[in-house]
């Protein structure tokens, strides 16, 4: 895809979003109405819950040069074995947008041509955090109908190789094969098999080589009025299929449309449960941390089938 074609698509999606500059807007979460949330809850049949998050790692690796820092801070050596009440305490810090752990991207995460989503100036981002479009927009959580499209299952392979792109035709074919259709308000999860490949072959430099969606898929998501996009990869393919534009799916989804993204989920358990139960729809609950100025948050989304 040429940069000129990408910019035409970006402009078209930005018009679709009808951005107003009001930092309180919800972006594509406007499609996730209370009626659709209630409908998704009513559709739960088995009461089976599945975590969609990978464990947070504390050891460096090829895809995690800045792992989370974790340590137990108490009980202290003086307290250990002493009579009375003591507490176990711990502390951790992390790079929210790393390539190894599951996280949610806020709408202020992407800066394109000096602007945030809706034309807000990049100056809204300061060392103290963002002002507007931060993860605080979803402080009440994102709960709604979820749909999983399993592209490796469609192609008859365990995973997509790094550099491979999920196309619009792949998404449509997966829908047909699974008997499901992503629609208004849905939280769409696209499995590329990243987590399975990582477990079976070991970690690699995913920053420079990974499977993801082709940018033209975002047009389909906009037409279907999908509310959130998530994947077990980064959602973006690397190397980028757009000349001169890295992370084109991030730019189109977050910046143009105002669509929250979830990166590096673990969809293996969900894929197995959906195949076993013969249903690729579920209730999905996403609860980010209350970090008012943050550009994202670690998450442990839960699917309820």
C-alpha atoms as a PDB file:
ATOM      1  CA  UNK A   1       0.000   0.000   0.000  1.00  0.00           C
ATOM      2  CA  UNK A   2       1.427   3.388  -0.931  1.00  0.00           C
ATOM      3  CA  UNK A   3       1.597   6.228   1.549  1.00  0.00           C
ATOM      4  CA  UNK A   4      -0.749   8.254  -0.669  1.00  0.00           C
ATOM      5  CA  UNK A   5      -3.380   5.489  -0.616  1.00  0.00           C
ATOM      6  CA  UNK A   6      -2.963   5.169   3.141  1.00  0.00           C
ATOM      7  CA  UNK A   7      -3.504   8.890   3.633  1.00  0.00           C
ATOM      8  CA  UNK A   8      -6.641   8.758   1.490  1.00  0.00           C
ATOM      9  CA  UNK A   9      -7.968   5.938   3.677  1.00  0.00           C
ATOM     10  CA  UNK A  10      -7.038   7.833   6.838  1.00  0.00           C
ATOM     11  CA  UNK A  11      -8.911  10.920   5.628  1.00  0.00           C
ATOM     12  CA  UNK A  12     -11.983   8.852   4.732  1.00  0.00           C
ATOM     13  CA  UNK A  13     -12.054   7.132   8.121  1.00  0.00           C
ATOM     14  CA  UNK A  14     -11.539  10.440   9.892  1.00  0.00           C
ATOM     15  CA  UNK A  15     -14.612  11.806   8.123  1.00  0.00           C
ATOM     16  CA  UNK A  16     -16.491   8.674   9.191  1.00  0.00           C
ATOM     17  CA  UNK A  17     -15.556   9.322  12.806  1.00  0.00           C
ATOM     18  CA  UNK A  18     -17.026  12.840  12.583  1.00  0.00           C
ATOM     19  CA  UNK A  19     -14.579  14.051  15.236  1.00  0.00           C
ATOM     20  CA  UNK A  20     -15.772  17.136  17.109  1.00  0.00           C
ATOM     21  CA  UNK A  21     -12.716  17.993  19.203  1.00  0.00           C
ATOM     22  CA  UNK A  22     -14.710  17.292  22.390  1.00  0.00           C
ATOM     23  CA  UNK A  23     -12.281  15.348  24.568  1.00  0.00           C
ATOM     24  CA  UNK A  24     -15.175  13.654  26.353  1.00  0.00           C
ATOM     25  CA  UNK A  25     -16.297  11.800  23.214  1.00  0.00           C
ATOM     26  CA  UNK A  26     -16.175   8.014  23.291  1.00  0.00           C
ATOM     27  CA  UNK A  27     -14.949   7.334  19.766  1.00  0.00           C
ATOM     28  CA  UNK A  28     -16.254   4.050  18.388  1.00  0.00           C
ATOM     29  CA  UNK A  29     -17.468   3.095  21.875  1.00  0.00           C
ATOM     30  CA  UNK A  30     -20.529   5.144  20.913  1.00  0.00           C
ATOM     31  CA  UNK A  31     -21.595   2.000  19.024  1.00  0.00           C
ATOM     32  CA  UNK A  32     -21.575   0.041  22.294  1.00  0.00           C
ATOM     33  CA  UNK A  33     -25.024   0.997  23.566  1.00  0.00           C
ATOM     34  CA  UNK A  34     -26.576  -0.135  26.870  1.00  0.00           C
ATOM     35  CA  UNK A  35     -28.979  -2.325  24.888  1.00  0.00           C
ATOM     36  CA  UNK A  36     -26.086  -4.112  23.215  1.00  0.00           C
ATOM     37  CA  UNK A  37     -24.341  -4.621  26.548  1.00  0.00           C
ATOM     38  CA  UNK A  38     -27.527  -6.073  28.040  1.00  0.00           C
ATOM     39  CA  UNK A  39     -28.009  -8.285  25.004  1.00  0.00           C
ATOM     40  CA  UNK A  40     -24.502  -9.670  25.332  1.00  0.00           C
ATOM     41  CA  UNK A  41     -25.058 -10.428  29.014  1.00  0.00           C
ATOM     42  CA  UNK A  42     -28.322 -12.193  28.207  1.00  0.00           C
ATOM     43  CA  UNK A  43     -26.496 -14.343  25.663  1.00  0.00           C
ATOM     44  CA  UNK A  44     -24.262 -16.039  28.240  1.00  0.00           C
ATOM     45  CA  UNK A  45     -25.166 -19.735  28.232  1.00  0.00           C
ATOM     46  CA  UNK A  46     -22.473 -21.710  30.027  1.00  0.00           C
ATOM     47  CA  UNK A  47     -21.136 -19.370  32.712  1.00  0.00           C
ATOM     48  CA  UNK A  48     -17.607 -20.252  31.633  1.00  0.00           C
ATOM     49  CA  UNK A  49     -14.942 -17.576  32.082  1.00  0.00           C
ATOM     50  CA  UNK A  50     -11.662 -17.334  30.186  1.00  0.00           C
ATOM     51  CA  UNK A  51      -8.817 -14.874  30.759  1.00  0.00           C
ATOM     52  CA  UNK A  52      -7.546 -13.186  27.606  1.00  0.00           C
ATOM     53  CA  UNK A  53      -4.320 -11.857  29.137  1.00  0.00           C
ATOM     54  CA  UNK A  54      -0.803 -13.218  29.130  1.00  0.00           C
ATOM     55  CA  UNK A  55       1.150 -13.346  32.410  1.00  0.00           C
ATOM     56  CA  UNK A  56       3.253 -10.251  33.060  1.00  0.00           C
ATOM     57  CA  UNK A  57       6.914 -11.171  32.645  1.00  0.00           C
ATOM     58  CA  UNK A  58       9.838  -9.872  34.695  1.00  0.00           C
ATOM     59  CA  UNK A  59      12.762 -11.366  32.758  1.00  0.00           C
ATOM     60  CA  UNK A  60      14.141  -9.653  29.649  1.00  0.00           C
ATOM     61  CA  UNK A  61      13.780 -11.351  26.275  1.00  0.00           C
ATOM     62  CA  UNK A  62      13.998 -10.647  22.540  1.00  0.00           C
ATOM     63  CA  UNK A  63      10.529  -9.077  22.553  1.00  0.00           C
ATOM     64  CA  UNK A  64      10.730  -7.686  26.080  1.00  0.00           C
ATOM     65  CA  UNK A  65      13.948  -5.711  26.626  1.00  0.00           C
ATOM     66  CA  UNK A  66      12.196  -3.638  29.316  1.00  0.00           C
ATOM     67  CA  UNK A  67      10.269  -6.217  31.338  1.00  0.00           C
ATOM     68  CA  UNK A  68       8.153  -5.379  34.332  1.00  0.00           C
ATOM     69  CA  UNK A  69      10.083  -4.790  37.538  1.00  0.00           C
ATOM     70  CA  UNK A  70       8.633  -6.692  40.461  1.00  0.00           C
ATOM     71  CA  UNK A  71       9.839  -7.275  44.003  1.00  0.00           C
ATOM     72  CA  UNK A  72       8.455  -8.373  47.325  1.00  0.00           C
ATOM     73  CA  UNK A  73       8.984  -5.521  49.776  1.00  0.00           C
ATOM     74  CA  UNK A  74       7.705  -7.150  52.976  1.00  0.00           C
ATOM     75  CA  UNK A  75       7.937  -8.947  55.323  1.00  0.00           C
ATOM     76  CA  UNK A  76      11.367  -7.556  56.064  1.00  0.00           C
ATOM     77  CA  UNK A  77      14.189  -9.624  57.476  1.00  0.00           C
ATOM     78  CA  UNK A  78      13.414  -8.207  60.933  1.00  0.00           C
ATOM     79  CA  UNK A  79       9.738  -9.130  60.667  1.00  0.00           C
ATOM     80  CA  UNK A  80      10.242 -12.622  59.293  1.00  0.00           C
ATOM     81  CA  UNK A  81       9.507 -15.184  61.975  1.00  0.00           C
ATOM     82  CA  UNK A  82       8.638 -12.537  64.555  1.00  0.00           C
ATOM     83  CA  UNK A  83       5.444 -12.896  66.615  1.00  0.00           C
ATOM     84  CA  UNK A  84       2.359 -10.850  65.815  1.00  0.00           C
ATOM     85  CA  UNK A  85       0.803  -9.692  62.554  1.00  0.00           C
ATOM     86  CA  UNK A  86       2.863  -8.816  59.478  1.00  0.00           C
ATOM     87  CA  UNK A  87       1.909  -8.257  55.850  1.00  0.00           C
ATOM     88  CA  UNK A  88       3.359  -9.444  52.576  1.00  0.00           C
ATOM     89  CA  UNK A  89       3.768  -6.368  50.340  1.00  0.00           C
ATOM     90  CA  UNK A  90       4.976  -5.957  46.788  1.00  0.00           C
ATOM     91  CA  UNK A  91       5.627  -3.326  44.117  1.00  0.00           C
ATOM     92  CA  UNK A  92       5.951  -3.396  40.345  1.00  0.00           C
ATOM     93  CA  UNK A  93       6.531  -1.013  37.432  1.00  0.00           C
ATOM     94  CA  UNK A  94       6.181  -1.629  33.710  1.00  0.00           C
ATOM     95  CA  UNK A  95       6.321  -0.216  30.211  1.00  0.00           C
ATOM     96  CA  UNK A  96       2.609  -0.203  29.384  1.00  0.00           C
ATOM     97  CA  UNK A  97       3.100  -0.508  25.617  1.00  0.00           C
ATOM     98  CA  UNK A  98       5.640  -3.352  25.504  1.00  0.00           C
ATOM     99  CA  UNK A  99       5.610  -6.227  23.002  1.00  0.00           C
ATOM    100  CA  UNK A 100       5.175  -9.068  25.485  1.00  0.00           C
ATOM    101  CA  UNK A 101       2.254  -8.252  27.779  1.00  0.00           C
ATOM    102  CA  UNK A 102      -1.452  -7.597  27.254  1.00  0.00           C
ATOM    103  CA  UNK A 103      -2.535  -3.968  27.280  1.00  0.00           C
ATOM    104  CA  UNK A 104      -5.163  -1.483  26.161  1.00  0.00           C
ATOM    105  CA  UNK A 105      -4.230   1.547  24.046  1.00  0.00           C
ATOM    106  CA  UNK A 106      -5.959   4.811  24.930  1.00  0.00           C
ATOM    107  CA  UNK A 107      -7.000   7.218  22.177  1.00  0.00           C
ATOM    108  CA  UNK A 108      -4.073   9.537  22.954  1.00  0.00           C
ATOM    109  CA  UNK A 109      -1.521   6.799  22.270  1.00  0.00           C
ATOM    110  CA  UNK A 110      -0.942   7.687  18.600  1.00  0.00           C
ATOM    111  CA  UNK A 111       0.401  11.007  17.361  1.00  0.00           C
ATOM    112  CA  UNK A 112       0.127  11.476  13.580  1.00  0.00           C
ATOM    113  CA  UNK A 113       1.234  14.598  11.772  1.00  0.00           C
ATOM    114  CA  UNK A 114       1.513  16.404  15.114  1.00  0.00           C
ATOM    115  CA  UNK A 115      -2.057  15.684  16.180  1.00  0.00           C
ATOM    116  CA  UNK A 116      -3.997  13.311  18.402  1.00  0.00           C
ATOM    117  CA  UNK A 117      -7.379  11.827  17.542  1.00  0.00           C
ATOM    118  CA  UNK A 118      -9.911  14.460  16.598  1.00  0.00           C
ATOM    119  CA  UNK A 119      -7.290  17.080  15.781  1.00  0.00           C
ATOM    120  CA  UNK A 120      -6.232  17.705  19.374  1.00  0.00           C
ATOM    121  CA  UNK A 121      -2.674  19.095  19.565  1.00  0.00           C
ATOM    122  CA  UNK A 122       0.230  16.888  20.549  1.00  0.00           C
ATOM    123  CA  UNK A 123       0.929  19.393  23.334  1.00  0.00           C
ATOM    124  CA  UNK A 124      -1.845  17.686  25.300  1.00  0.00           C
ATOM    125  CA  UNK A 125       0.818  15.079  26.173  1.00  0.00           C
ATOM    126  CA  UNK A 126       3.100  16.200  28.996  1.00  0.00           C
ATOM    127  CA  UNK A 127       5.487  14.562  31.436  1.00  0.00           C
ATOM    128  CA  UNK A 128       2.601  14.508  33.910  1.00  0.00           C
ATOM    129  CA  UNK A 129       0.422  12.509  31.525  1.00  0.00           C
ATOM    130  CA  UNK A 130      -2.154  13.221  28.870  1.00  0.00           C
ATOM    131  CA  UNK A 131      -4.901  15.801  29.051  1.00  0.00           C
ATOM    132  CA  UNK A 132      -7.894  14.303  27.289  1.00  0.00           C
ATOM    133  CA  UNK A 133      -8.360  11.033  25.392  1.00  0.00           C
ATOM    134  CA  UNK A 134      -6.512   9.100  28.119  1.00  0.00           C
ATOM    135  CA  UNK A 135      -7.402   5.719  29.557  1.00  0.00           C
ATOM    136  CA  UNK A 136      -9.633   7.586  32.001  1.00  0.00           C
ATOM    137  CA  UNK A 137     -12.238   7.685  29.207  1.00  0.00           C
ATOM    138  CA  UNK A 138     -12.894   4.007  29.940  1.00  0.00           C
ATOM    139  CA  UNK A 139     -12.613   4.152  33.718  1.00  0.00           C
ATOM    140  CA  UNK A 140     -16.012   2.418  33.971  1.00  0.00           C
ATOM    141  CA  UNK A 141     -14.730  -0.462  31.886  1.00  0.00           C
ATOM    142  CA  UNK A 142     -15.630  -1.772  28.465  1.00  0.00           C
ATOM    143  CA  UNK A 143     -18.233  -4.520  28.620  1.00  0.00           C
ATOM    144  CA  UNK A 144     -20.072  -5.827  25.597  1.00  0.00           C
ATOM    145  CA  UNK A 145     -20.511  -8.481  22.920  1.00  0.00           C
ATOM    146  CA  UNK A 146     -17.271 -10.149  21.852  1.00  0.00           C
ATOM    147  CA  UNK A 147     -16.495 -11.988  18.615  1.00  0.00           C
ATOM    148  CA  UNK A 148     -13.394 -14.093  17.948  1.00  0.00           C
ATOM    149  CA  UNK A 149     -12.176 -14.671  14.379  1.00  0.00           C
ATOM    150  CA  UNK A 150      -9.515 -17.393  14.247  1.00  0.00           C
ATOM    151  CA  UNK A 151      -7.487 -16.843  11.076  1.00  0.00           C
ATOM    152  CA  UNK A 152      -4.918 -19.662  11.571  1.00  0.00           C
ATOM    153  CA  UNK A 153      -7.826 -22.074  12.062  1.00  0.00           C
ATOM    154  CA  UNK A 154      -9.312 -20.849   8.796  1.00  0.00           C
ATOM    155  CA  UNK A 155      -6.032 -21.388   6.951  1.00  0.00           C
ATOM    156  CA  UNK A 156      -5.351 -24.753   8.591  1.00  0.00           C
ATOM    157  CA  UNK A 157      -2.099 -23.674  10.257  1.00  0.00           C
ATOM    158  CA  UNK A 158      -1.100 -23.278  13.936  1.00  0.00           C
ATOM    159  CA  UNK A 159      -0.127 -19.620  13.506  1.00  0.00           C
ATOM    160  CA  UNK A 160       0.575 -16.949  10.924  1.00  0.00           C
ATOM    161  CA  UNK A 161       4.262 -16.378  10.309  1.00  0.00           C
ATOM    162  CA  UNK A 162       5.783 -12.993  11.203  1.00  0.00           C
ATOM    163  CA  UNK A 163       5.258 -10.531   8.375  1.00  0.00           C
ATOM    164  CA  UNK A 164       2.011 -12.141   7.205  1.00  0.00           C
ATOM    165  CA  UNK A 165      -1.080  -9.952   6.864  1.00  0.00           C
ATOM    166  CA  UNK A 166      -4.676 -10.785   7.747  1.00  0.00           C
ATOM    167  CA  UNK A 167      -6.740  -9.498   4.829  1.00  0.00           C
ATOM    168  CA  UNK A 168     -10.365  -8.434   4.513  1.00  0.00           C
ATOM    169  CA  UNK A 169     -10.996 -11.687   2.651  1.00  0.00           C
ATOM    170  CA  UNK A 170      -9.561 -13.606   5.620  1.00  0.00           C
ATOM    171  CA  UNK A 171     -11.952 -11.894   8.018  1.00  0.00           C
ATOM    172  CA  UNK A 172     -14.960 -12.508   5.784  1.00  0.00           C
ATOM    173  CA  UNK A 173     -13.987 -16.144   5.218  1.00  0.00           C
ATOM    174  CA  UNK A 174     -13.464 -16.710   8.942  1.00  0.00           C
ATOM    175  CA  UNK A 175     -16.908 -15.280   9.635  1.00  0.00           C
ATOM    176  CA  UNK A 176     -18.460 -17.656   7.133  1.00  0.00           C
ATOM    177  CA  UNK A 177     -16.522 -20.681   8.390  1.00  0.00           C
ATOM    178  CA  UNK A 178     -17.382 -19.940  12.036  1.00  0.00           C
ATOM    179  CA  UNK A 179     -21.000 -18.928  11.427  1.00  0.00           C
ATOM    180  CA  UNK A 180     -20.600 -15.512  13.019  1.00  0.00           C
ATOM    181  CA  UNK A 181     -20.607 -11.896  11.864  1.00  0.00           C
ATOM    182  CA  UNK A 182     -19.007  -8.922  13.597  1.00  0.00           C
ATOM    183  CA  UNK A 183     -21.433  -6.042  13.888  1.00  0.00           C
ATOM    184  CA  UNK A 184     -22.307  -2.800  15.671  1.00  0.00           C
ATOM    185  CA  UNK A 185     -20.824  -2.499  19.148  1.00  0.00           C
ATOM    186  CA  UNK A 186     -18.833  -5.724  18.979  1.00  0.00           C
ATOM    187  CA  UNK A 187     -15.418  -6.153  20.554  1.00  0.00           C
ATOM    188  CA  UNK A 188     -13.678  -7.938  17.696  1.00  0.00           C
ATOM    189  CA  UNK A 189     -10.736 -10.192  18.585  1.00  0.00           C
ATOM    190  CA  UNK A 190      -8.554 -11.507  15.770  1.00  0.00           C
ATOM    191  CA  UNK A 191      -6.300 -14.483  16.476  1.00  0.00           C
ATOM    192  CA  UNK A 192      -3.067 -14.727  14.481  1.00  0.00           C
ATOM    193  CA  UNK A 193      -1.463 -17.390  16.701  1.00  0.00           C
ATOM    194  CA  UNK A 194       1.280 -15.126  18.072  1.00  0.00           C
ATOM    195  CA  UNK A 195       1.108 -16.580  21.587  1.00  0.00           C
ATOM    196  CA  UNK A 196       1.172 -20.200  20.410  1.00  0.00           C
ATOM    197  CA  UNK A 197       4.172 -19.542  18.180  1.00  0.00           C
ATOM    198  CA  UNK A 198       5.964 -17.784  21.042  1.00  0.00           C
ATOM    199  CA  UNK A 199       5.349 -20.704  23.406  1.00  0.00           C
ATOM    200  CA  UNK A 200       6.389 -23.389  20.936  1.00  0.00           C
ATOM    201  CA  UNK A 201       9.341 -21.735  19.196  1.00  0.00           C
ATOM    202  CA  UNK A 202      10.453 -19.156  21.761  1.00  0.00           C
ATOM    203  CA  UNK A 203      10.309 -15.381  21.869  1.00  0.00           C
ATOM    204  CA  UNK A 204      11.652 -13.308  18.971  1.00  0.00           C
ATOM    205  CA  UNK A 205      12.057  -9.635  18.130  1.00  0.00           C
ATOM    206  CA  UNK A 206       8.361  -8.965  17.561  1.00  0.00           C
ATOM    207  CA  UNK A 207       9.007  -5.239  17.222  1.00  0.00           C
ATOM    208  CA  UNK A 208      10.424  -5.914  13.757  1.00  0.00           C
ATOM    209  CA  UNK A 209       8.645  -9.109  12.663  1.00  0.00           C
ATOM    210  CA  UNK A 210       5.059 -10.075  13.494  1.00  0.00           C
ATOM    211  CA  UNK A 211       1.747 -11.016  11.903  1.00  0.00           C
ATOM    212  CA  UNK A 212      -1.123  -8.552  11.983  1.00  0.00           C
ATOM    213  CA  UNK A 213      -3.972  -6.983  10.068  1.00  0.00           C
ATOM    214  CA  UNK A 214      -3.684  -5.275   6.717  1.00  0.00           C
ATOM    215  CA  UNK A 215      -4.717  -1.592   7.002  1.00  0.00           C
ATOM    216  CA  UNK A 216      -7.671  -2.117   4.641  1.00  0.00           C
ATOM    217  CA  UNK A 217      -9.290  -4.260   7.353  1.00  0.00           C
ATOM    218  CA  UNK A 218      -9.947  -1.086   9.363  1.00  0.00           C
ATOM    219  CA  UNK A 219     -12.330   0.135   6.654  1.00  0.00           C
ATOM    220  CA  UNK A 220     -14.397  -3.036   7.165  1.00  0.00           C
ATOM    221  CA  UNK A 221     -14.426  -2.486  10.950  1.00  0.00           C
ATOM    222  CA  UNK A 222     -15.674   1.056  10.432  1.00  0.00           C
ATOM    223  CA  UNK A 223     -18.417  -0.121   8.081  1.00  0.00           C
ATOM    224  CA  UNK A 224     -19.491  -2.769  10.600  1.00  0.00           C
ATOM    225  CA  UNK A 225     -19.377  -0.217  13.475  1.00  0.00           C
ATOM    226  CA  UNK A 226     -17.104  -2.399  15.589  1.00  0.00           C
ATOM    227  CA  UNK A 227     -16.372  -0.754  18.951  1.00  0.00           C
ATOM    228  CA  UNK A 228     -12.978  -2.270  19.936  1.00  0.00           C
ATOM    229  CA  UNK A 229     -10.280  -4.271  18.136  1.00  0.00           C
ATOM    230  CA  UNK A 230      -7.968  -6.730  19.865  1.00  0.00           C
ATOM    231  CA  UNK A 231      -5.433  -9.352  18.821  1.00  0.00           C
ATOM    232  CA  UNK A 232      -2.889 -11.757  20.248  1.00  0.00           C
ATOM    233  CA  UNK A 233      -0.286  -9.759  18.314  1.00  0.00           C
ATOM    234  CA  UNK A 234       0.150  -6.030  17.996  1.00  0.00           C
ATOM    235  CA  UNK A 235      -2.764  -5.703  15.517  1.00  0.00           C
ATOM    236  CA  UNK A 236      -0.159  -4.259  13.112  1.00  0.00           C
ATOM    237  CA  UNK A 237       2.031  -6.309  10.814  1.00  0.00           C
ATOM    238  CA  UNK A 238       5.799  -5.812  10.869  1.00  0.00           C
ATOM    239  CA  UNK A 239       7.423  -4.871   8.614  1.00  0.00           C
ATOM    240  CA  UNK A 240       4.697  -2.362   7.820  1.00  0.00           C
ATOM    241  CA  UNK A 241       2.796  -2.986   4.575  1.00  0.00           C
ATOM    242  CA  UNK A 242       2.594   0.796   4.078  1.00  0.00           C
ATOM    243  CA  UNK A 243       5.661   2.511   2.679  1.00  0.00           C
ATOM    244  CA  UNK A 244       6.800   5.241   5.024  1.00  0.00           C
ATOM    245  CA  UNK A 245       4.138   4.661   7.708  1.00  0.00           C
ATOM    246  CA  UNK A 246       4.832   2.337  10.663  1.00  0.00           C
ATOM    247  CA  UNK A 247       1.879   0.961  12.666  1.00  0.00           C
ATOM    248  CA  UNK A 248      -0.773   1.860  10.054  1.00  0.00           C
ATOM    249  CA  UNK A 249      -3.572  -0.048  11.836  1.00  0.00           C
ATOM    250  CA  UNK A 250      -2.847   1.887  15.022  1.00  0.00           C
ATOM    251  CA  UNK A 251      -2.966   5.161  13.106  1.00  0.00           C
ATOM    252  CA  UNK A 252      -6.223   4.298  11.342  1.00  0.00           C
ATOM    253  CA  UNK A 253      -8.006   2.775  14.340  1.00  0.00           C
ATOM    254  CA  UNK A 254      -6.864   4.983  17.228  1.00  0.00           C
ATOM    255  CA  UNK A 255      -6.119   8.244  15.443  1.00  0.00           C
ATOM    256  CA  UNK A 256      -8.663   8.349  12.614  1.00  0.00           C
ATOM    257  CA  UNK A 257     -11.597   6.389  14.040  1.00  0.00           C
ATOM    258  CA  UNK A 258     -11.156   6.714  17.813  1.00  0.00           C
ATOM    259  CA  UNK A 259     -11.188   2.931  18.285  1.00  0.00           C
ATOM    260  CA  UNK A 260      -9.464   1.500  21.362  1.00  0.00           C
ATOM    261  CA  UNK A 261      -7.044  -1.334  20.671  1.00  0.00           C
ATOM    262  CA  UNK A 262      -5.958  -4.286  22.788  1.00  0.00           C
ATOM    263  CA  UNK A 263      -2.508  -5.638  21.938  1.00  0.00           C
ATOM    264  CA  UNK A 264      -0.785  -8.937  22.723  1.00  0.00           C
ATOM    265  CA  UNK A 265      -3.738 -10.740  24.238  1.00  0.00           C
ATOM    266  CA  UNK A 266      -3.641 -14.482  24.822  1.00  0.00           C
ATOM    267  CA  UNK A 267      -6.462 -15.961  22.745  1.00  0.00           C
ATOM    268  CA  UNK A 268      -5.453 -19.631  22.870  1.00  0.00           C
ATOM    269  CA  UNK A 269      -7.793 -20.564  25.730  1.00  0.00           C
ATOM    270  CA  UNK A 270     -10.678 -18.648  24.215  1.00  0.00           C
ATOM    271  CA  UNK A 271     -10.162 -20.230  20.788  1.00  0.00           C
ATOM    272  CA  UNK A 272     -10.272 -23.668  22.344  1.00  0.00           C
ATOM    273  CA  UNK A 273     -13.379 -22.901  24.376  1.00  0.00           C
ATOM    274  CA  UNK A 274     -15.207 -21.399  21.401  1.00  0.00           C
ATOM    275  CA  UNK A 275     -14.382 -24.397  19.200  1.00  0.00           C
ATOM    276  CA  UNK A 276     -15.487 -26.803  21.943  1.00  0.00           C
ATOM    277  CA  UNK A 277     -18.784 -25.013  22.570  1.00  0.00           C
ATOM    278  CA  UNK A 278     -19.448 -24.263  18.905  1.00  0.00           C
ATOM    279  CA  UNK A 279     -19.957 -20.560  19.548  1.00  0.00           C
ATOM    280  CA  UNK A 280     -17.637 -17.698  18.662  1.00  0.00           C
ATOM    281  CA  UNK A 281     -19.667 -15.061  20.516  1.00  0.00           C
ATOM    282  CA  UNK A 282     -19.334 -14.218  24.194  1.00  0.00           C
ATOM    283  CA  UNK A 283     -19.610 -11.435  26.742  1.00  0.00           C
ATOM    284  CA  UNK A 284     -16.307  -9.578  27.071  1.00  0.00           C
ATOM    285  CA  UNK A 285     -15.335  -7.441  30.077  1.00  0.00           C
ATOM    286  CA  UNK A 286     -12.269  -5.176  29.990  1.00  0.00           C
ATOM    287  CA  UNK A 287     -11.252  -3.326  33.151  1.00  0.00           C
ATOM    288  CA  UNK A 288      -8.269  -0.966  32.759  1.00  0.00           C
ATOM    289  CA  UNK A 289      -6.508   0.506  35.766  1.00  0.00           C
ATOM    290  CA  UNK A 290      -7.619   3.909  37.048  1.00  0.00           C
ATOM    291  CA  UNK A 291      -4.638   5.859  35.699  1.00  0.00           C
ATOM    292  CA  UNK A 292      -6.245   9.184  34.703  1.00  0.00           C
ATOM    293  CA  UNK A 293      -3.376  10.585  32.598  1.00  0.00           C
ATOM    294  CA  UNK A 294      -2.148   7.322  31.089  1.00  0.00           C
ATOM    295  CA  UNK A 295      -1.891   6.506  27.390  1.00  0.00           C
ATOM    296  CA  UNK A 296      -2.834   2.893  28.098  1.00  0.00           C
ATOM    297  CA  UNK A 297      -3.161   0.243  30.764  1.00  0.00           C
ATOM    298  CA  UNK A 298      -2.327  -3.394  31.379  1.00  0.00           C
ATOM    299  CA  UNK A 299      -5.535  -5.403  31.206  1.00  0.00           C
ATOM    300  CA  UNK A 300      -6.855  -8.851  31.957  1.00  0.00           C
ATOM    301  CA  UNK A 301      -9.980  -9.048  29.768  1.00  0.00           C
ATOM    302  CA  UNK A 302     -12.436 -11.805  30.649  1.00  0.00           C
ATOM    303  CA  UNK A 303     -14.632 -13.642  28.144  1.00  0.00           C
ATOM    304  CA  UNK A 304     -17.819 -15.171  29.537  1.00  0.00           C
ATOM    305  CA  UNK A 305     -19.416 -17.890  27.416  1.00  0.00           C
END
